[in-house]
PDB file of N, CA and C in Angstrom:
ATOM      1  N   MET A   1     -18.499   5.468 -11.429  1.00  0.00           N
ATOM      2  CA  MET A   1     -17.247   4.786 -10.475  1.00  0.00           C
ATOM      3  C   MET A   1     -16.393   5.971 -10.753  1.00  0.00           C
ATOM      4  N   SER A   2     -15.109   6.024  -9.766  1.00  0.00           N
ATOM      5  CA  SER A   2     -14.235   6.997  -9.956  1.00  0.00           C
ATOM      6  C   SER A   2     -13.240   6.498 -10.259  1.00  0.00           C
ATOM      7  N   LYS A   3     -12.012   6.469 -10.622  1.00  0.00           N
ATOM      8  CA  LYS A   3     -10.594   6.554 -11.151  1.00  0.00           C
ATOM      9  C   LYS A   3     -10.330   5.536 -10.092  1.00  0.00           C
ATOM     10  N   GLY A   4      -9.547   4.389 -10.151  1.00  0.00           N
ATOM     11  CA  GLY A   4      -9.277   3.391  -9.231  1.00  0.00           C
ATOM     12  C   GLY A   4     -10.192   2.240  -8.780  1.00  0.00           C
ATOM     13  N   ASN A   5     -11.596   2.683  -9.103  1.00  0.00           N
ATOM     14  CA  ASN A   5     -12.759   1.730  -8.500  1.00  0.00           C
ATOM     15  C   ASN A   5     -12.566   0.503  -9.870  1.00  0.00           C
ATOM     16  N   GLU A   6     -13.016  -0.358  -8.986  1.00  0.00           N
ATOM     17  CA  GLU A   6     -13.054  -1.605 -10.211  1.00  0.00           C
ATOM     18  C   GLU A   6     -14.857  -2.233  -9.929  1.00  0.00           C
ATOM     19  N   PRO A   7     -15.260  -2.388 -11.151  1.00  0.00           N
ATOM     20  CA  PRO A   7     -16.723  -2.870 -10.928  1.00  0.00           C
ATOM     21  C   PRO A   7     -16.724  -4.711  -9.896  1.00  0.00           C
ATOM     22  N   VAL A   8     -17.405  -4.387  -9.541  1.00  0.00           N
ATOM     23  CA  VAL A   8     -17.937  -5.969  -8.782  1.00  0.00           C
ATOM     24  C   VAL A   8     -19.210  -6.171  -8.609  1.00  0.00           C
ATOM     25  N   THR A   9     -19.443  -7.548  -9.019  1.00  0.00           N
ATOM     26  CA  THR A   9     -20.776  -7.683  -8.845  1.00  0.00           C
ATOM     27  C   THR A   9     -21.008  -8.724  -7.709  1.00  0.00           C
ATOM     28  N   ILE A  10     -22.254  -8.100  -7.183  1.00  0.00           N
ATOM     29  CA  ILE A  10     -22.580  -9.030  -6.015  1.00  0.00           C
ATOM     30  C   ILE A  10     -23.993  -9.654  -5.942  1.00  0.00           C
ATOM     31  N   ARG A  11     -24.344 -10.587  -5.330  1.00  0.00           N
ATOM     32  CA  ARG A  11     -25.718 -11.228  -5.706  1.00  0.00           C
ATOM     33  C   ARG A  11     -26.153 -10.985  -4.138  1.00  0.00           C
ATOM     34  N   VAL A  12     -27.448 -10.297  -3.630  1.00  0.00           N
ATOM     35  CA  VAL A  12     -28.185 -10.235  -2.959  1.00  0.00           C
ATOM     36  C   VAL A  12     -29.594 -10.582  -3.084  1.00  0.00           C
ATOM     37  N   LEU A  13     -30.203 -11.588  -2.251  1.00  0.00           N
ATOM     38  CA  LEU A  13     -31.283 -11.912  -2.369  1.00  0.00           C
ATOM     39  C   LEU A  13     -32.082 -12.461  -3.843  1.00  0.00           C
ATOM     40  N   ASP A  14     -30.842 -13.133  -4.465  1.00  0.00           N
ATOM     41  CA  ASP A  14     -31.004 -13.759  -5.986  1.00  0.00           C
ATOM     42  C   ASP A  14     -31.376 -12.236  -6.822  1.00  0.00           C
ATOM     43  N   ARG A  15     -30.527 -11.333  -6.605  1.00  0.00           N
ATOM     44  CA  ARG A  15     -30.573 -10.115  -7.852  1.00  0.00           C
ATOM     45  C   ARG A  15     -28.831  -9.978  -7.782  1.00  0.00           C
ATOM     46  N   GLU A  16     -28.574  -9.383  -8.969  1.00  0.00           N
ATOM     47  CA  GLU A  16     -27.009  -8.959  -9.188  1.00  0.00           C
ATOM     48  C   GLU A  16     -27.073  -7.733  -9.115  1.00  0.00           C
ATOM     49  N   TYR A  17     -26.240  -6.700  -8.567  1.00  0.00           N
ATOM     50  CA  TYR A  17     -25.656  -5.560  -8.621  1.00  0.00           C
ATOM     51  C   TYR A  17     -24.404  -5.605  -8.803  1.00  0.00           C
ATOM     52  N   THR A  18     -24.106  -4.244  -9.399  1.00  0.00           N
ATOM     53  CA  THR A  18     -22.564  -3.805 -10.058  1.00  0.00           C
ATOM     54  C   THR A  18     -22.287  -2.532  -9.089  1.00  0.00           C
ATOM     55  N   VAL A  19     -21.099  -2.793  -8.639  1.00  0.00           N
ATOM     56  CA  VAL A  19     -20.648  -1.943  -7.437  1.00  0.00           C
ATOM     57  C   VAL A  19     -19.225  -1.330  -7.714  1.00  0.00           C
ATOM     58  N   GLY A  20     -19.102  -0.519  -7.893  1.00  0.00           N
ATOM     59  CA  GLY A  20     -17.579   0.131  -8.294  1.00  0.00           C
ATOM     60  C   GLY A  20     -16.854   0.412  -6.554  1.00  0.00           C
ATOM     61  N   VAL A  21     -15.589  -0.189  -6.426  1.00  0.00           N
ATOM     62  CA  VAL A  21     -14.970  -0.632  -4.991  1.00  0.00           C
ATOM     63  C   VAL A  21     -13.496  -0.477  -5.294  1.00  0.00           C
ATOM     64  N   GLU A  22     -12.792   0.263  -4.367  1.00  0.00           N
ATOM     65  CA  GLU A  22     -11.268   0.163  -4.271  1.00  0.00           C
ATOM     66  C   GLU A  22     -11.062  -1.396  -4.702  1.00  0.00           C
ATOM     67  N   PRO A  23      -9.858  -1.263  -4.928  1.00  0.00           N
ATOM     68  CA  PRO A  23      -9.449  -3.160  -5.107  1.00  0.00           C
ATOM     69  C   PRO A  23      -8.973  -3.473  -3.743  1.00  0.00           C
ATOM     70  N   ASP A  24      -8.627  -2.706  -2.754  1.00  0.00           N
ATOM     71  CA  ASP A  24      -8.381  -3.234  -1.650  1.00  0.00           C
ATOM     72  C   ASP A  24      -9.603  -3.311  -0.662  1.00  0.00           C
ATOM     73  N   GLU A  25     -10.669  -3.001  -0.626  1.00  0.00           N
ATOM     74  CA  GLU A  25     -11.948  -2.793  -0.364  1.00  0.00           C
ATOM     75  C   GLU A  25     -12.752  -4.059  -1.205  1.00  0.00           C
ATOM     76  N   ARG A  26     -12.099  -4.809  -2.139  1.00  0.00           N
ATOM     77  CA  ARG A  26     -13.160  -5.577  -2.755  1.00  0.00           C
ATOM     78  C   ARG A  26     -13.945  -6.847  -1.650  1.00  0.00           C
ATOM     79  N   ASP A  27     -12.741  -7.253  -1.197  1.00  0.00           N
ATOM     80  CA  ASP A  27     -13.318  -8.492   0.067  1.00  0.00           C
ATOM     81  C   ASP A  27     -14.543  -8.258   0.874  1.00  0.00           C
ATOM     82  N   SER A  28     -13.822  -6.947   1.361  1.00  0.00           N
ATOM     83  CA  SER A  28     -14.669  -6.414   2.658  1.00  0.00           C
ATOM     84  C   SER A  28     -16.498  -6.321   1.679  1.00  0.00           C
ATOM     85  N   LEU A  29     -16.379  -5.651   0.769  1.00  0.00           N
ATOM     86  CA  LEU A  29     -17.983  -5.337   0.137  1.00  0.00           C
ATOM     87  C   LEU A  29     -18.797  -6.872  -0.157  1.00  0.00           C
ATOM     88  N   VAL A  30     -17.659  -7.815  -0.510  1.00  0.00           N
ATOM     89  CA  VAL A  30     -18.241  -9.124  -0.718  1.00  0.00           C
ATOM     90  C   VAL A  30     -18.441  -9.537   0.624  1.00  0.00           C
ATOM     91  N   ALA A  31     -17.871  -9.633   1.225  1.00  0.00           N
ATOM     92  CA  ALA A  31     -18.479 -10.331   3.138  1.00  0.00           C
ATOM     93  C   ALA A  31     -19.563  -9.208   3.348  1.00  0.00           C
ATOM     94  N   ALA A  32     -19.582  -8.227   3.196  1.00  0.00           N
ATOM     95  CA  ALA A  32     -20.687  -7.307   3.748  1.00  0.00           C
ATOM     96  C   ALA A  32     -22.043  -7.926   3.032  1.00  0.00           C
ATOM     97  N   ALA A  33     -21.970  -7.893   1.342  1.00  0.00           N
ATOM     98  CA  ALA A  33     -23.062  -8.364   0.564  1.00  0.00           C
ATOM     99  C   ALA A  33     -23.128 -10.017   0.907  1.00  0.00           C
ATOM    100  N   LYS A  34     -22.751 -10.611   1.467  1.00  0.00           N
ATOM    101  CA  LYS A  34     -22.973 -12.416   1.899  1.00  0.00           C
ATOM    102  C   LYS A  34     -23.780 -11.827   3.116  1.00  0.00           C
ATOM    103  N   LEU A  35     -23.406 -11.165   3.912  1.00  0.00           N
ATOM    104  CA  LEU A  35     -23.891 -10.905   5.387  1.00  0.00           C
ATOM    105  C   LEU A  35     -25.202 -10.399   4.929  1.00  0.00           C
ATOM    106  N   LEU A  36     -25.541  -9.213   4.216  1.00  0.00           N
ATOM    107  CA  LEU A  36     -26.701  -8.542   3.716  1.00  0.00           C
ATOM    108  C   LEU A  36     -27.661  -9.819   3.427  1.00  0.00           C
ATOM    109  N   ASP A  37     -26.789 -10.685   2.318  1.00  0.00           N
ATOM    110  CA  ASP A  37     -27.845 -11.765   1.661  1.00  0.00           C
ATOM    111  C   ASP A  37     -28.504 -12.922   3.106  1.00  0.00           C
ATOM    112  N   ALA A  38     -27.817 -13.253   3.745  1.00  0.00           N
ATOM    113  CA  ALA A  38     -28.188 -13.924   4.743  1.00  0.00           C
ATOM    114  C   ALA A  38     -29.101 -13.269   5.670  1.00  0.00           C
ATOM    115  N   LYS A  39     -28.783 -12.216   6.301  1.00  0.00           N
ATOM    116  CA  LYS A  39     -30.034 -11.436   7.128  1.00  0.00           C
ATOM    117  C   LYS A  39     -31.222 -11.418   6.013  1.00  0.00           C
ATOM    118  N   MET A  40     -31.417 -10.923   4.582  1.00  0.00           N
ATOM    119  CA  MET A  40     -32.512 -10.742   4.005  1.00  0.00           C
ATOM    120  C   MET A  40     -33.083 -12.104   4.142  1.00  0.00           C
ATOM    121  N   ARG A  41     -32.195 -12.978   3.909  1.00  0.00           N
ATOM    122  CA  ARG A  41     -32.899 -14.477   3.504  1.00  0.00           C
ATOM    123  C   ARG A  41     -33.652 -14.885   5.159  1.00  0.00           C
ATOM    124  N   GLU A  42     -32.909 -14.431   6.129  1.00  0.00           N
ATOM    125  CA  GLU A  42     -33.558 -14.944   7.265  1.00  0.00           C
ATOM    126  C   GLU A  42     -34.907 -14.223   7.662  1.00  0.00           C
ATOM    127  N   ILE A  43     -35.119 -13.038   7.346  1.00  0.00           N
ATOM    128  CA  ILE A  43     -36.058 -12.070   7.597  1.00  0.00           C
ATOM    129  C   ILE A  43     -37.291 -12.634   6.368  1.00  0.00           C
ATOM    130  N   ARG A  44     -37.101 -12.988   4.955  1.00  0.00           N
ATOM    131  CA  ARG A  44     -37.653 -13.293   4.311  1.00  0.00           C
ATOM    132  C   ARG A  44     -38.363 -14.868   4.777  1.00  0.00           C
ATOM    133  N   GLY A  45     -37.363 -15.943   5.256  1.00  0.00           N
ATOM    134  CA  GLY A  45     -37.895 -16.939   5.490  1.00  0.00           C
ATOM    135  C   GLY A  45     -38.408 -17.807   4.558  1.00  0.00           C
ATOM    136  N   THR A  46     -39.583 -18.431   4.505  1.00  0.00           N
ATOM    137  CA  THR A  46     -39.927 -19.229   3.422  1.00  0.00           C
ATOM    138  C   THR A  46     -41.019 -17.905   2.821  1.00  0.00           C
ATOM    139  N   ASN A  47     -41.039 -16.629   3.112  1.00  0.00           N
ATOM    140  CA  ASN A  47     -42.229 -16.351   2.447  1.00  0.00           C
ATOM    141  C   ASN A  47     -41.397 -15.652   0.919  1.00  0.00           C
ATOM    142  N   LYS A  48     -41.864 -16.586   0.180  1.00  0.00           N
ATOM    143  CA  LYS A  48     -41.053 -15.935  -1.348  1.00  0.00           C
ATOM    144  C   LYS A  48     -41.839 -15.048  -1.912  1.00  0.00           C
ATOM    145  N   LEU A  49     -42.802 -14.106  -1.614  1.00  0.00           N
ATOM    146  CA  LEU A  49     -43.722 -13.253  -2.243  1.00  0.00           C
ATOM    147  C   LEU A  49     -43.325 -12.196  -1.315  1.00  0.00           C
ATOM    148  N   ALA A  50     -42.523 -11.911  -0.011  1.00  0.00           N
ATOM    149  CA  ALA A  50     -42.453 -10.396   0.667  1.00  0.00           C
ATOM    150  C   ALA A  50     -41.998  -9.691  -0.533  1.00  0.00           C
ATOM    151  N   ALA A  51     -42.109  -8.390  -0.442  1.00  0.00           N
ATOM    152  CA  ALA A  51     -41.828  -7.351  -0.764  1.00  0.00           C
ATOM    153  C   ALA A  51     -40.077  -6.873  -0.567  1.00  0.00           C
ATOM    154  N   VAL A  52     -39.662  -7.105  -1.626  1.00  0.00           N
ATOM    155  CA  VAL A  52     -38.113  -6.834  -0.947  1.00  0.00           C
ATOM    156  C   VAL A  52     -37.675  -5.734  -0.678  1.00  0.00           C
ATOM    157  N   ASP A  53     -38.243  -4.548  -1.048  1.00  0.00           N
ATOM    158  CA  ASP A  53     -37.785  -3.202  -0.392  1.00  0.00           C
ATOM    159  C   ASP A  53     -38.189  -3.693   1.131  1.00  0.00           C
ATOM    160  N   ARG A  54     -39.408  -3.780   1.910  1.00  0.00           N
ATOM    161  CA  ARG A  54     -39.550  -4.220   2.968  1.00  0.00           C
ATOM    162  C   ARG A  54     -38.334  -5.152   3.533  1.00  0.00           C
ATOM    163  N   ILE A  55     -38.093  -5.922   2.967  1.00  0.00           N
ATOM    164  CA  ILE A  55     -37.114  -7.032   3.624  1.00  0.00           C
ATOM    165  C   ILE A  55     -35.818  -6.067   3.450  1.00  0.00           C
ATOM    166  N   ALA A  56     -35.294  -5.475   2.727  1.00  0.00           N
ATOM    167  CA  ALA A  56     -34.231  -4.993   2.520  1.00  0.00           C
ATOM    168  C   ALA A  56     -34.066  -3.626   3.903  1.00  0.00           C
ATOM    169  N   VAL A  57     -35.023  -3.043   4.208  1.00  0.00           N
ATOM    170  CA  VAL A  57     -35.402  -2.048   5.250  1.00  0.00           C
ATOM    171  C   VAL A  57     -35.203  -2.592   6.558  1.00  0.00           C
ATOM    172  N   LEU A  58     -36.101  -4.009   6.448  1.00  0.00           N
ATOM    173  CA  LEU A  58     -35.927  -4.960   7.950  1.00  0.00           C
ATOM    174  C   LEU A  58     -34.507  -5.192   8.461  1.00  0.00           C
ATOM    175  N   ALA A  59     -33.508  -5.612   7.131  1.00  0.00           N
ATOM    176  CA  ALA A  59     -32.350  -5.957   7.341  1.00  0.00           C
ATOM    177  C   ALA A  59     -31.303  -4.945   7.450  1.00  0.00           C
ATOM    178  N   ALA A  60     -31.897  -3.745   6.904  1.00  0.00           N
ATOM    179  CA  ALA A  60     -30.798  -2.807   7.027  1.00  0.00           C
ATOM    180  C   ALA A  60     -30.982  -2.098   8.735  1.00  0.00           C
ATOM    181  N   LEU A  61     -32.612  -2.241   9.110  1.00  0.00           N
ATOM    182  CA  LEU A  61     -32.655  -1.924  10.648  1.00  0.00           C
ATOM    183  C   LEU A  61     -32.002  -2.760  11.604  1.00  0.00           C
ATOM    184  N   ASN A  62     -32.012  -4.415  11.245  1.00  0.00           N
ATOM    185  CA  ASN A  62     -31.095  -5.034  11.972  1.00  0.00           C
ATOM    186  C   ASN A  62     -29.998  -4.865  12.314  1.00  0.00           C
ATOM    187  N   LEU A  63     -29.202  -4.644  11.002  1.00  0.00           N
ATOM    188  CA  LEU A  63     -27.973  -4.796  10.903  1.00  0.00           C
ATOM    189  C   LEU A  63     -27.335  -2.845  11.640  1.00  0.00           C
ATOM    190  N   ALA A  64     -28.044  -2.163  11.697  1.00  0.00           N
ATOM    191  CA  ALA A  64     -27.932  -1.125  11.778  1.00  0.00           C
ATOM    192  C   ALA A  64     -27.985  -1.126  13.980  1.00  0.00           C
ATOM    193  N   HIS A  65     -28.868  -1.862  13.825  1.00  0.00           N
ATOM    194  CA  HIS A  65     -29.334  -2.216  15.497  1.00  0.00           C
ATOM    195  C   HIS A  65     -27.786  -3.180  16.243  1.00  0.00           C
ATOM    196  N   GLU A  66     -27.616  -3.958  15.382  1.00  0.00           N
ATOM    197  CA  GLU A  66     -26.214  -4.871  15.750  1.00  0.00           C
ATOM    198  C   GLU A  66     -24.901  -3.999  15.335  1.00  0.00           C
ATOM    199  N   LEU A  67     -24.828  -3.155  14.827  1.00  0.00           N
ATOM    200  CA  LEU A  67     -23.817  -2.049  15.128  1.00  0.00           C
ATOM    201  C   LEU A  67     -23.765  -1.377  15.907  1.00  0.00           C
ATOM    202  N   GLN A  68     -24.857  -0.656  16.134  1.00  0.00           N
ATOM    203  CA  GLN A  68     -25.055   0.044  17.578  1.00  0.00           C
ATOM    204  C   GLN A  68     -24.615  -0.514  18.702  1.00  0.00           C
ATOM    205  N   GLN A  69     -25.035  -1.809  18.978  1.00  0.00           N
ATOM    206  CA  GLN A  69     -25.059  -2.722  20.284  1.00  0.00           C
ATOM    207  C   GLN A  69     -23.544  -2.856  20.102  1.00  0.00           C
ATOM    208  N   ALA A  70     -22.876  -3.076  18.955  1.00  0.00           N
ATOM    209  CA  ALA A  70     -21.437  -3.240  19.217  1.00  0.00           C
ATOM    210  C   ALA A  70     -20.742  -1.731  19.429  1.00  0.00           C
ATOM    211  N   ARG A  71     -21.094  -0.748  18.806  1.00  0.00           N
ATOM    212  CA  ARG A  71     -20.796   0.402  19.042  1.00  0.00           C
ATOM    213  C   ARG A  71     -20.736   0.573  20.975  1.00  0.00           C
ATOM    214  N   SER A  72     -21.830   0.226  21.557  1.00  0.00           N
ATOM    215  CA  SER A  72     -22.054   1.070  23.012  1.00  0.00           C
ATOM    216  C   SER A  72     -21.316  -0.196  23.785  1.00  0.00           C
ATOM    217  N   ASP A  73     -21.031  -1.527  23.199  1.00  0.00           N
ATOM    218  CA  ASP A  73     -20.198  -2.591  23.958  1.00  0.00           C
ATOM    219  C   ASP A  73     -18.742  -1.968  24.058  1.00  0.00           C
ATOM    220  N   THR A  74     -18.207  -1.609  22.652  1.00  0.00           N
ATOM    221  CA  THR A  74     -17.019  -1.174  22.903  1.00  0.00           C
ATOM    222  C   THR A  74     -16.762   0.218  23.566  1.00  0.00           C
ATOM    223  N   ASP A  75     -17.346   0.999  23.564  1.00  0.00           N
ATOM    224  CA  ASP A  75     -17.412   2.670  24.228  1.00  0.00           C
ATOM    225  C   ASP A  75     -17.181   1.943  26.072  1.00  0.00           C
ATOM    226  N   ARG A  76     -18.358   1.188  26.049  1.00  0.00           N
ATOM    227  CA  ARG A  76     -18.205   0.496  27.553  1.00  0.00           C
ATOM    228  C   ARG A  76     -16.712  -0.002  27.967  1.00  0.00           C
ATOM    229  N   ARG A  77     -16.412  -1.314  27.299  1.00  0.00           N
ATOM    230  CA  ARG A  77     -15.089  -1.652  27.523  1.00  0.00           C
ATOM    231  C   ARG A  77     -14.104  -0.337  27.382  1.00  0.00           C
ATOM    232  N   GLU A  78     -14.081   0.470  26.778  1.00  0.00           N
ATOM    233  CA  GLU A  78     -13.156   1.493  26.361  1.00  0.00           C
ATOM    234  C   GLU A  78     -12.991   2.041  27.524  1.00  0.00           C
ATOM    235  N   ARG A  79     -14.426   2.619  28.359  1.00  0.00           N
ATOM    236  CA  ARG A  79     -14.110   2.932  29.725  1.00  0.00           C
ATOM    237  C   ARG A  79     -13.997   2.309  30.715  1.00  0.00           C
ATOM    238  N   GLU A  80     -14.277   1.052  30.810  1.00  0.00           N
ATOM    239  CA  GLU A  80     -13.689   0.090  31.575  1.00  0.00           C
ATOM    240  C   GLU A  80     -12.157   0.258  31.808  1.00  0.00           C
ATOM    241  N   LEU A  81     -11.444  -0.030  30.499  1.00  0.00           N
ATOM    242  CA  LEU A  81      -9.821  -0.370  30.120  1.00  0.00           C
ATOM    243  C   LEU A  81      -9.552   1.007  30.906  1.00  0.00           C
ATOM    244  N   ALA A  82      -9.913   2.207  30.621  1.00  0.00           N
ATOM    245  CA  ALA A  82      -9.230   3.581  31.027  1.00  0.00           C
ATOM    246  C   ALA A  82      -9.659   3.685  32.225  1.00  0.00           C
ATOM    247  N   LYS A  83     -10.464   3.270  33.088  1.00  0.00           N
ATOM    248  CA  LYS A  83     -10.647   3.105  34.558  1.00  0.00           C
ATOM    249  C   LYS A  83      -9.969   2.378  35.488  1.00  0.00           C
ATOM    250  N   THR A  84      -9.538   1.217  34.770  1.00  0.00           N
ATOM    251  CA  THR A  84      -8.310   0.069  35.269  1.00  0.00           C
ATOM    252  C   THR A  84      -7.033   0.459  35.161  1.00  0.00           C
ATOM    253  N   VAL A  85      -6.759   1.125  34.200  1.00  0.00           N
ATOM    254  CA  VAL A  85      -5.597   1.449  33.529  1.00  0.00           C
ATOM    255  C   VAL A  85      -5.117   3.175  34.492  1.00  0.00           C
ATOM    256  N   GLY A  86      -6.090   3.883  34.881  1.00  0.00           N
ATOM    257  CA  GLY A  86      -5.987   4.696  35.513  1.00  0.00           C
ATOM    258  C   GLY A  86      -5.913   4.311  37.379  1.00  0.00           C
ATOM    259  N   ALA A  87      -6.449   3.254  37.316  1.00  0.00           N
ATOM    260  CA  ALA A  87      -6.273   2.663  38.809  1.00  0.00           C
ATOM    261  C   ALA A  87      -4.995   2.368  39.062  1.00  0.00           C
ATOM    262  N   MET A  88      -4.486   1.615  37.964  1.00  0.00           N
ATOM    263  CA  MET A  88      -2.784   0.927  37.874  1.00  0.00           C
ATOM    264  C   MET A  88      -2.148   2.048  38.086  1.00  0.00           C
ATOM    265  N   GLN A  89      -2.423   3.053  37.604  1.00  0.00           N
ATOM    266  CA  GLN A  89      -1.376   4.205  36.983  1.00  0.00           C
ATOM    267  C   GLN A  89      -1.309   4.728  38.538  1.00  0.00           C
ATOM    268  N   ARG A  90      -2.241   5.111  39.177  1.00  0.00           N
ATOM    269  CA  ARG A  90      -2.608   5.366  40.704  1.00  0.00           C
ATOM    270  C   ARG A  90      -1.645   4.547  41.529  1.00  0.00           C
ATOM    271  N   ARG A  91      -1.942   3.278  41.624  1.00  0.00           N
ATOM    272  CA  ARG A  91      -1.421   2.436  42.406  1.00  0.00           C
ATOM    273  C   ARG A  91       0.635   2.750  41.929  1.00  0.00           C
ATOM    274  N   LEU A  92       1.166   2.657  40.837  1.00  0.00           N
ATOM    275  CA  LEU A  92       2.065   3.068  40.763  1.00  0.00           C
ATOM    276  C   LEU A  92       2.773   4.393  41.290  1.00  0.00           C
ATOM    277  N   ASP A  93       1.926   5.285  40.899  1.00  0.00           N
ATOM    278  CA  ASP A  93       2.450   6.312  41.301  1.00  0.00           C
ATOM    279  C   ASP A  93       2.695   6.519  43.247  1.00  0.00           C
ATOM    280  N   ASP A  94       1.813   5.670  43.168  1.00  0.00           N
ATOM    281  CA  ASP A  94       1.513   5.933  45.049  1.00  0.00           C
ATOM    282  C   ASP A  94       2.987   4.839  45.469  1.00  0.00           C
ATOM    283  N   LEU A  95       3.511   3.861  44.735  1.00  0.00           N
ATOM    284  CA  LEU A  95       4.640   2.729  44.965  1.00  0.00           C
ATOM    285  C   LEU A  95       5.754   3.768  44.916  1.00  0.00           C
ATOM    286  N   PHE A  96       6.105   4.580  43.660  1.00  0.00           N
ATOM    287  CA  PHE A  96       6.759   5.495  43.096  1.00  0.00           C
ATOM    288  C   PHE A  96       7.085   6.736  43.987  1.00  0.00           C
ATOM    289  N   ASP A  97       5.984   7.204  44.701  1.00  0.00           N
ATOM    290  CA  ASP A  97       5.887   8.148  45.899  1.00  0.00           C
ATOM    291  C   ASP A  97       6.703   7.584  47.381  1.00  0.00           C
ATOM    292  N   THR A  98       6.150   6.715  47.524  1.00  0.00           N
ATOM    293  CA  THR A  98       6.783   6.186  48.907  1.00  0.00           C
ATOM    294  C   THR A  98       8.070   6.046  49.071  1.00  0.00           C
ATOM    295  N   PRO A  99       8.386   6.771  49.983  1.00  0.00           N
ATOM    296  CA  PRO A  99      10.256   6.893  50.298  1.00  0.00           C
ATOM    297  C   PRO A  99      10.472   5.571  50.588  1.00  0.00           C
ATOM    298  N   PRO A 100      11.781   5.223  50.609  1.00  0.00           N
ATOM    299  CA  PRO A 100      11.999   3.646  51.315  1.00  0.00           C
ATOM    300  C   PRO A 100      12.153   3.390  52.663  1.00  0.00           C
ATOM    301  N   ALA A 101      12.165   2.640  53.568  1.00  0.00           N
ATOM    302  CA  ALA A 101      12.109   2.837  54.875  1.00  0.00           C
ATOM    303  C   ALA A 101      13.426   2.449  55.185  1.00  0.00           C
TER     304      ALA A 101
END
């Protein structure tokens, strides 16, 4: 752990891990651990004998896919917003460029 980091113990799929984290990032880490734990439990389902490493990889792939989709949606929304703002700017330019009658 680097200077300023504090140890935080998180629980994922009934296993404890101690992670060094900046104090202002503690809550985010705990929330991420809860999300990962929930995703791993969902994948494991009732199969208590499933290999933890396989469950972890599948959970990571699912979360990475969700992140990729969210980024793609954000990019799409940003393009749509830029297009709308551009159209509004052109309309305003047209209004101000038109000489009064």
